[in-house]
Amino acid sequence: MSEKSPYQEKANDSKAHVVWHESNVSKADRAKVKGQKPKCIWLTGLSGSGKSTLANALEVALTEKGNHTYLLDGDNVRHGLNKNLGMSDEDRTENIRRVSEVAKLMVDAGLIVVTAFISPFRADRDAARALFDDGEFVEVFVDAPLEECEKRDPKGLYQKARQGIIKEFTGIDSPYEAPSKPELVVNTAENDIEACVKQLIAAIV
């Protein structure tokens, strides 16, 4: 990965003209209205590990408990917010940077944000964590062996990567750096989604 992306270069050019405006309503005020502790639940893992399925099930469970939530899914944000980004290392880093900033705003709004992104680089996830106050960022490693993810291959991506049709695919010809100290590890190869959700709820709420 390059030390400075073109996105950072462009942002630095105009930074001197940008001033932060404080709101009269604080994050604590918004959280109090919602009756919950805002958090960012960051699900990371290989393609096919079950992140999106787990994130959706988790959001349903939280909503049923009366929590105010929002789910940010890796594929969904590439349809709009990040549709101009490719799959190079630089673009993947920028993808996670943008999502991290959006998640931060949502947590500031008092929400429990659930994200489902491969987010393969440890440095990018650490940079995301640094945006949040202590206890607000919950890194969840959705652990499933590569062979299991390939077996599932819900989108047929691993097959295309093995055939050389897709380049720089995480786990095949681009690395995945597993979390070293996640708040939680859920194993979707050994446990069903319901059990994983229960594990998450117990750790979050």
Foldseek 3Di string as FASTA:
>chain_A
DDPDDPVRVVCVVCVVVDDDDDDPQWLVNLQVVQVHQAAEEEEAEAQQLCQVVLLVVLVVVCVVVSAAEEEAEPVVCCVPVLVVADQDPSSLLVSLVVVLVVSLVVSRNNHHYYYRDNSQDPVSVVVSVVSDDPPRYAYEYSDDDPVNSCVPVVPCVVVCVVVVNDPCHDPRHPDGDTDPDGNYYDYCVVDPSVVSSVVVVVSRD
